[in-house]
Every structure is written in structure tokens, then in C-alpha cells.
């Protein structure tokens, strides 16, 4: 005999998912959440304007599509909001000189912070991966590095959005993007 769901299951209230909350949130709140993840006011507005999303995958696909349409000023805005990847606390004291010198050389050449998606890189391997990435990418010409940086930003945004909307990421208000303008402010010259 096959049994269906019990009556008790029908009495459970529908608990909203992070995506449900995202779709229903006020524009200003969604703008702030997206700006935390994307670091570009235009990129954030574009995703906010296309709500509601039926599922996280649809939102991630829309974020990818919008990433490929970022103009040079949009990319500059997004890069300005980034900082070096988070590394284990003791990393900075152990390799402060090497990391500082490599990052200074990178910023001097390209005019923006080094961005890299570390994905599932174990904490103990992050410093090596960051240094390897900086030294490798210092060989790029500025236009090639801009393309590489845009791809790294896209991957970072994907990870941040996925974490946020699957309920596994930090609350964005705890760590707003560096130097970002309000998501509801008009775009200046873009």
C-alpha cells in the first residue's frame, strides 16, 4: 500500500527560501545585496530590474549575461570595489613582503586591485595561488589583463550570488564593497 504525504506535512507553513526573499525584497535592499556581490551599480541594477527569478540558476545565468555586457567604465567600477582575496590570518605576517611587492607591481601596471576567484582552494594554498596568479598575470598586456580580470570578476560574482541565494554566504551588510556608490544612484557618464 502506497502512502501519500501525511496531513501534518500539509499543515507546515511554506518557509521562504533566500531566492523568495530576494525576489520579494524592496528595491533598495536588493540593490545593496547585488552591489555587494557584483561591485558594479549598472550590473546590479540590471539584475534587480529583471526580478523575479524562477530559480537560482536563472539568476546566475542573467548575471553571466550581464557580465559580458559590462562597459569599460562598468568594469572599472567593479574593480574599484574589490580588494585582495581573503587569506588565512597568519598569511599576511608570514608573506607580507612578497604579497605587498607583488600586488604593488600589479596595481602599478594595471591601475586596479588584483582579482582572482579562488573557488574551493584550501586556505593553506591560497597565498601560493594568489602570488602565482599575480606573477603570471603581470606578463599580460593591459587589454589582455582587462579581459582576464573581467572573467575573474564574473566568477567571483557567481560564487557570491550562489552563496547568498542558497543561504550559505555572509550577510552582505556586514562587508559592503569598497568605494561603491549607491545602487540607486544615477550612473554617471555610463
C-alpha atoms as a PDB file:
ATOM      1  CA  UNK A   1       0.000   0.000   0.000  1.00  0.00           C
ATOM      2  CA  UNK A   2       1.451   3.346  -1.061  1.00  0.00           C
ATOM      3  CA  UNK A   3       1.046   6.180   1.387  1.00  0.00           C
ATOM      4  CA  UNK A   4       0.997   9.808   0.390  1.00  0.00           C
ATOM      5  CA  UNK A   5       2.148  12.764   2.461  1.00  0.00           C
ATOM      6  CA  UNK A   6       0.688  12.911   5.925  1.00  0.00           C
ATOM      7  CA  UNK A   7      -1.784  15.559   6.948  1.00  0.00           C
ATOM      8  CA  UNK A   8       0.862  17.105   9.194  1.00  0.00           C
ATOM      9  CA  UNK A   9       3.027  17.776   6.143  1.00  0.00           C
ATOM     10  CA  UNK A  10       0.196  19.801   4.617  1.00  0.00           C
ATOM     11  CA  UNK A  11      -0.034  21.965   7.723  1.00  0.00           C
ATOM     12  CA  UNK A  12       3.610  23.087   7.619  1.00  0.00           C
ATOM     13  CA  UNK A  13       3.906  26.688   6.518  1.00  0.00           C
ATOM     14  CA  UNK A  14       5.897  27.426   3.382  1.00  0.00           C
ATOM     15  CA  UNK A  15       9.255  28.712   4.528  1.00  0.00           C
ATOM     16  CA  UNK A  16      10.660  31.289   2.141  1.00  0.00           C
ATOM     17  CA  UNK A  17      13.944  30.475   0.505  1.00  0.00           C
ATOM     18  CA  UNK A  18      16.690  33.087   0.151  1.00  0.00           C
ATOM     19  CA  UNK A  19      15.619  33.430  -3.506  1.00  0.00           C
ATOM     20  CA  UNK A  20      11.986  34.043  -2.453  1.00  0.00           C
ATOM     21  CA  UNK A  21      13.197  36.742  -0.059  1.00  0.00           C
ATOM     22  CA  UNK A  22      15.420  38.228  -2.795  1.00  0.00           C
ATOM     23  CA  UNK A  23      12.546  38.354  -5.287  1.00  0.00           C
ATOM     24  CA  UNK A  24      10.197  39.987  -2.756  1.00  0.00           C
ATOM     25  CA  UNK A  25      12.643  42.407  -1.106  1.00  0.00           C
ATOM     26  CA  UNK A  26      12.403  46.167  -1.600  1.00  0.00           C
ATOM     27  CA  UNK A  27      14.440  47.558  -4.482  1.00  0.00           C
ATOM     28  CA  UNK A  28      16.928  49.363  -2.207  1.00  0.00           C
ATOM     29  CA  UNK A  29      17.659  46.189  -0.244  1.00  0.00           C
ATOM     30  CA  UNK A  30      18.102  44.094  -3.387  1.00  0.00           C
ATOM     31  CA  UNK A  31      20.304  46.798  -4.869  1.00  0.00           C
ATOM     32  CA  UNK A  32      22.575  46.704  -1.816  1.00  0.00           C
ATOM     33  CA  UNK A  33      22.733  42.896  -1.873  1.00  0.00           C
ATOM     34  CA  UNK A  34      23.605  42.831  -5.557  1.00  0.00           C
ATOM     35  CA  UNK A  35      26.130  45.627  -5.240  1.00  0.00           C
ATOM     36  CA  UNK A  36      27.865  43.595  -2.542  1.00  0.00           C
ATOM     37  CA  UNK A  37      28.112  40.640  -4.903  1.00  0.00           C
ATOM     38  CA  UNK A  38      28.757  42.408  -8.206  1.00  0.00           C
ATOM     39  CA  UNK A  39      30.518  45.659  -7.265  1.00  0.00           C
ATOM     40  CA  UNK A  40      29.023  47.496 -10.261  1.00  0.00           C
ATOM     41  CA  UNK A  41      25.938  49.725  -9.959  1.00  0.00           C
ATOM     42  CA  UNK A  42      24.876  49.068 -13.564  1.00  0.00           C
ATOM     43  CA  UNK A  43      25.368  45.308 -13.276  1.00  0.00           C
ATOM     44  CA  UNK A  44      23.401  45.318 -10.008  1.00  0.00           C
ATOM     45  CA  UNK A  45      20.540  47.420 -11.414  1.00  0.00           C
ATOM     46  CA  UNK A  46      20.260  45.186 -14.453  1.00  0.00           C
ATOM     47  CA  UNK A  47      19.748  42.078 -12.313  1.00  0.00           C
ATOM     48  CA  UNK A  48      17.399  43.856  -9.890  1.00  0.00           C
ATOM     49  CA  UNK A  49      15.245  45.143 -12.759  1.00  0.00           C
ATOM     50  CA  UNK A  50      14.633  41.628 -14.078  1.00  0.00           C
ATOM     51  CA  UNK A  51      13.176  40.163 -10.878  1.00  0.00           C
ATOM     52  CA  UNK A  52      11.547  37.827 -10.083  1.00  0.00           C
ATOM     53  CA  UNK A  53      13.778  34.901 -10.975  1.00  0.00           C
ATOM     54  CA  UNK A  54      12.222  31.417 -11.015  1.00  0.00           C
ATOM     55  CA  UNK A  55      15.345  29.759  -9.607  1.00  0.00           C
ATOM     56  CA  UNK A  56      18.940  30.472  -8.607  1.00  0.00           C
ATOM     57  CA  UNK A  57      20.274  29.072 -11.881  1.00  0.00           C
ATOM     58  CA  UNK A  58      18.228  31.633 -13.851  1.00  0.00           C
ATOM     59  CA  UNK A  59      19.630  34.451 -11.746  1.00  0.00           C
ATOM     60  CA  UNK A  60      23.188  33.160 -12.205  1.00  0.00           C
ATOM     61  CA  UNK A  61      22.647  32.924 -15.968  1.00  0.00           C
ATOM     62  CA  UNK A  62      21.350  36.507 -16.014  1.00  0.00           C
ATOM     63  CA  UNK A  63      24.391  37.637 -14.004  1.00  0.00           C
ATOM     64  CA  UNK A  64      26.686  35.954 -16.533  1.00  0.00           C
ATOM     65  CA  UNK A  65      24.905  37.553 -19.468  1.00  0.00           C
ATOM     66  CA  UNK A  66      25.090  40.971 -17.838  1.00  0.00           C
ATOM     67  CA  UNK A  67      28.781  40.454 -17.014  1.00  0.00           C
ATOM     68  CA  UNK A  68      29.608  40.012 -20.678  1.00  0.00           C
ATOM     69  CA  UNK A  69      27.903  43.342 -21.417  1.00  0.00           C
ATOM     70  CA  UNK A  70      29.910  45.392 -18.909  1.00  0.00           C
ATOM     71  CA  UNK A  71      31.384  48.510 -20.469  1.00  0.00           C
ATOM     72  CA  UNK A  72      34.895  49.664 -19.656  1.00  0.00           C
ATOM     73  CA  UNK A  73      33.574  52.151 -17.020  1.00  0.00           C
ATOM     74  CA  UNK A  74      31.369  49.418 -15.500  1.00  0.00           C
ATOM     75  CA  UNK A  75      34.371  47.106 -15.233  1.00  0.00           C
ATOM     76  CA  UNK A  76      36.394  49.923 -13.676  1.00  0.00           C
ATOM     77  CA  UNK A  77      33.612  50.436 -11.088  1.00  0.00           C
ATOM     78  CA  UNK A  78      33.514  46.730 -10.290  1.00  0.00           C
ATOM     79  CA  UNK A  79      37.296  46.512  -9.939  1.00  0.00           C
ATOM     80  CA  UNK A  80      37.335  49.605  -7.688  1.00  0.00           C
ATOM     81  CA  UNK A  81      35.019  47.802  -5.275  1.00  0.00           C
ATOM     82  CA  UNK A  82      37.257  44.757  -4.939  1.00  0.00           C
ATOM     83  CA  UNK A  83      40.075  44.017  -2.544  1.00  0.00           C
ATOM     84  CA  UNK A  84      42.696  41.314  -2.347  1.00  0.00           C
ATOM     85  CA  UNK A  85      41.254  37.854  -1.701  1.00  0.00           C
ATOM     86  CA  UNK A  86      40.739  36.849   1.890  1.00  0.00           C
ATOM     87  CA  UNK A  87      43.658  34.767   3.058  1.00  0.00           C
ATOM     88  CA  UNK A  88      44.244  32.989   6.361  1.00  0.00           C
ATOM     89  CA  UNK A  89      45.097  35.484   9.109  1.00  0.00           C
ATOM     90  CA  UNK A  90      48.677  34.296   9.648  1.00  0.00           C
ATOM     91  CA  UNK A  91      49.383  34.556   5.895  1.00  0.00           C
ATOM     92  CA  UNK A  92      49.883  38.275   5.954  1.00  0.00           C
ATOM     93  CA  UNK A  93      52.605  38.212   8.582  1.00  0.00           C
ATOM     94  CA  UNK A  94      54.365  35.235   7.004  1.00  0.00           C
ATOM     95  CA  UNK A  95      54.455  36.581   3.466  1.00  0.00           C
ATOM     96  CA  UNK A  96      53.641  40.250   3.876  1.00  0.00           C
ATOM     97  CA  UNK A  97      56.649  41.484   1.905  1.00  0.00           C
ATOM     98  CA  UNK A  98      56.160  39.174  -1.079  1.00  0.00           C
ATOM     99  CA  UNK A  99      52.430  39.815  -1.283  1.00  0.00           C
ATOM    100  CA  UNK A 100      52.792  43.576  -0.840  1.00  0.00           C
ATOM    101  CA  UNK A 101      55.506  43.820  -3.503  1.00  0.00           C
ATOM    102  CA  UNK A 102      53.642  41.634  -5.992  1.00  0.00           C
ATOM    103  CA  UNK A 103      50.384  43.495  -5.522  1.00  0.00           C
ATOM    104  CA  UNK A 104      52.100  46.899  -5.763  1.00  0.00           C
ATOM    105  CA  UNK A 105      53.704  45.860  -9.063  1.00  0.00           C
ATOM    106  CA  UNK A 106      50.352  44.636 -10.345  1.00  0.00           C
ATOM    107  CA  UNK A 107      48.483  47.820  -9.349  1.00  0.00           C
ATOM    108  CA  UNK A 108      51.236  49.993 -10.827  1.00  0.00           C
ATOM    109  CA  UNK A 109      50.985  48.199 -14.149  1.00  0.00           C
ATOM    110  CA  UNK A 110      47.210  47.787 -14.437  1.00  0.00           C
ATOM    111  CA  UNK A 111      45.784  50.520 -12.188  1.00  0.00           C
ATOM    112  CA  UNK A 112      43.471  48.296 -10.156  1.00  0.00           C
ATOM    113  CA  UNK A 113      43.491  45.666  -7.460  1.00  0.00           C
ATOM    114  CA  UNK A 114      44.336  42.087  -8.438  1.00  0.00           C
ATOM    115  CA  UNK A 115      41.215  39.897  -8.555  1.00  0.00           C
ATOM    116  CA  UNK A 116      41.144  36.138  -8.606  1.00  0.00           C
ATOM    117  CA  UNK A 117      38.457  33.563  -7.977  1.00  0.00           C
ATOM    118  CA  UNK A 118      39.883  31.072  -5.507  1.00  0.00           C
ATOM    119  CA  UNK A 119      36.859  28.768  -5.537  1.00  0.00           C
ATOM    120  CA  UNK A 120      37.486  25.715  -3.393  1.00  0.00           C
ATOM    121  CA  UNK A 121      41.197  26.408  -2.933  1.00  0.00           C
ATOM    122  CA  UNK A 122      42.105  25.231   0.568  1.00  0.00           C
ATOM    123  CA  UNK A 123      43.119  28.096   2.895  1.00  0.00           C
ATOM    124  CA  UNK A 124      46.689  26.825   3.198  1.00  0.00           C
ATOM    125  CA  UNK A 125      47.125  27.045  -0.607  1.00  0.00           C
ATOM    126  CA  UNK A 126      45.549  30.465  -1.154  1.00  0.00           C
ATOM    127  CA  UNK A 127      48.667  32.576  -0.719  1.00  0.00           C
ATOM    128  CA  UNK A 128      50.591  30.475  -3.243  1.00  0.00           C
ATOM    129  CA  UNK A 129      47.703  30.669  -5.701  1.00  0.00           C
ATOM    130  CA  UNK A 130      47.403  34.452  -5.318  1.00  0.00           C
ATOM    131  CA  UNK A 131      51.134  35.038  -5.719  1.00  0.00           C
ATOM    132  CA  UNK A 132      51.303  32.647  -8.669  1.00  0.00           C
ATOM    133  CA  UNK A 133      48.362  34.448 -10.267  1.00  0.00           C
ATOM    134  CA  UNK A 134      49.849  37.910  -9.783  1.00  0.00           C
ATOM    135  CA  UNK A 135      53.264  36.933 -11.127  1.00  0.00           C
ATOM    136  CA  UNK A 136      51.728  35.112 -14.086  1.00  0.00           C
ATOM    137  CA  UNK A 137      49.321  37.889 -14.976  1.00  0.00           C
ATOM    138  CA  UNK A 138      51.976  40.601 -14.698  1.00  0.00           C
ATOM    139  CA  UNK A 139      53.140  39.259 -18.088  1.00  0.00           C
ATOM    140  CA  UNK A 140      49.802  40.235 -19.688  1.00  0.00           C
ATOM    141  CA  UNK A 141      49.376  43.393 -21.699  1.00  0.00           C
ATOM    142  CA  UNK A 142      46.743  45.767 -20.240  1.00  0.00           C
ATOM    143  CA  UNK A 143      43.942  44.740 -22.619  1.00  0.00           C
ATOM    144  CA  UNK A 144      44.502  41.011 -22.083  1.00  0.00           C
ATOM    145  CA  UNK A 145      44.552  41.599 -18.329  1.00  0.00           C
ATOM    146  CA  UNK A 146      41.312  43.552 -18.537  1.00  0.00           C
ATOM    147  CA  UNK A 147      39.676  40.527 -20.182  1.00  0.00           C
ATOM    148  CA  UNK A 148      41.169  38.195 -17.552  1.00  0.00           C
ATOM    149  CA  UNK A 149      40.079  40.489 -14.711  1.00  0.00           C
ATOM    150  CA  UNK A 150      36.543  40.675 -16.138  1.00  0.00           C
ATOM    151  CA  UNK A 151      36.377  36.867 -16.214  1.00  0.00           C
ATOM    152  CA  UNK A 152      37.656  36.639 -12.635  1.00  0.00           C
ATOM    153  CA  UNK A 153      35.043  39.211 -11.549  1.00  0.00           C
ATOM    154  CA  UNK A 154      32.325  37.196 -13.277  1.00  0.00           C
ATOM    155  CA  UNK A 155      33.418  34.055 -11.437  1.00  0.00           C
ATOM    156  CA  UNK A 156      33.630  35.912  -8.097  1.00  0.00           C
ATOM    157  CA  UNK A 157      30.128  37.301  -8.625  1.00  0.00           C
ATOM    158  CA  UNK A 158      28.800  33.850  -9.486  1.00  0.00           C
ATOM    159  CA  UNK A 159      30.196  32.454  -6.245  1.00  0.00           C
ATOM    160  CA  UNK A 160      28.900  35.328  -4.134  1.00  0.00           C
ATOM    161  CA  UNK A 161      25.428  35.196  -5.651  1.00  0.00           C
ATOM    162  CA  UNK A 162      25.221  31.415  -5.361  1.00  0.00           C
ATOM    163  CA  UNK A 163      26.289  31.534  -1.705  1.00  0.00           C
ATOM    164  CA  UNK A 164      23.874  34.344  -0.904  1.00  0.00           C
ATOM    165  CA  UNK A 165      20.870  32.855  -2.662  1.00  0.00           C
ATOM    166  CA  UNK A 166      21.441  29.341  -1.467  1.00  0.00           C
ATOM    167  CA  UNK A 167      21.694  30.684   2.064  1.00  0.00           C
ATOM    168  CA  UNK A 168      25.345  29.783   2.635  1.00  0.00           C
ATOM    169  CA  UNK A 169      27.031  33.163   2.320  1.00  0.00           C
ATOM    170  CA  UNK A 170      27.646  36.011   4.765  1.00  0.00           C
ATOM    171  CA  UNK A 171      25.089  38.761   5.088  1.00  0.00           C
ATOM    172  CA  UNK A 172      26.250  41.462   2.662  1.00  0.00           C
ATOM    173  CA  UNK A 173      25.574  44.351   5.027  1.00  0.00           C
ATOM    174  CA  UNK A 174      28.437  43.069   7.173  1.00  0.00           C
ATOM    175  CA  UNK A 175      31.006  43.741   4.451  1.00  0.00           C
ATOM    176  CA  UNK A 176      29.959  46.349   1.857  1.00  0.00           C
ATOM    177  CA  UNK A 177      32.073  46.797  -1.262  1.00  0.00           C
ATOM    178  CA  UNK A 178      34.995  49.174  -1.039  1.00  0.00           C
ATOM    179  CA  UNK A 179      34.358  52.529  -2.721  1.00  0.00           C
ATOM    180  CA  UNK A 180      30.998  51.534  -4.223  1.00  0.00           C
ATOM    181  CA  UNK A 181      28.322  54.071  -4.968  1.00  0.00           C
ATOM    182  CA  UNK A 182      24.699  53.605  -4.012  1.00  0.00           C
ATOM    183  CA  UNK A 183      22.970  51.112  -6.314  1.00  0.00           C
ATOM    184  CA  UNK A 184      20.091  53.545  -6.791  1.00  0.00           C
ATOM    185  CA  UNK A 185      22.282  56.479  -7.715  1.00  0.00           C
ATOM    186  CA  UNK A 186      22.149  57.504 -11.372  1.00  0.00           C
ATOM    187  CA  UNK A 187      25.011  56.181 -13.463  1.00  0.00           C
ATOM    188  CA  UNK A 188      27.487  58.960 -14.164  1.00  0.00           C
ATOM    189  CA  UNK A 189      28.556  59.094 -17.786  1.00  0.00           C
ATOM    190  CA  UNK A 190      27.798  55.445 -18.484  1.00  0.00           C
END
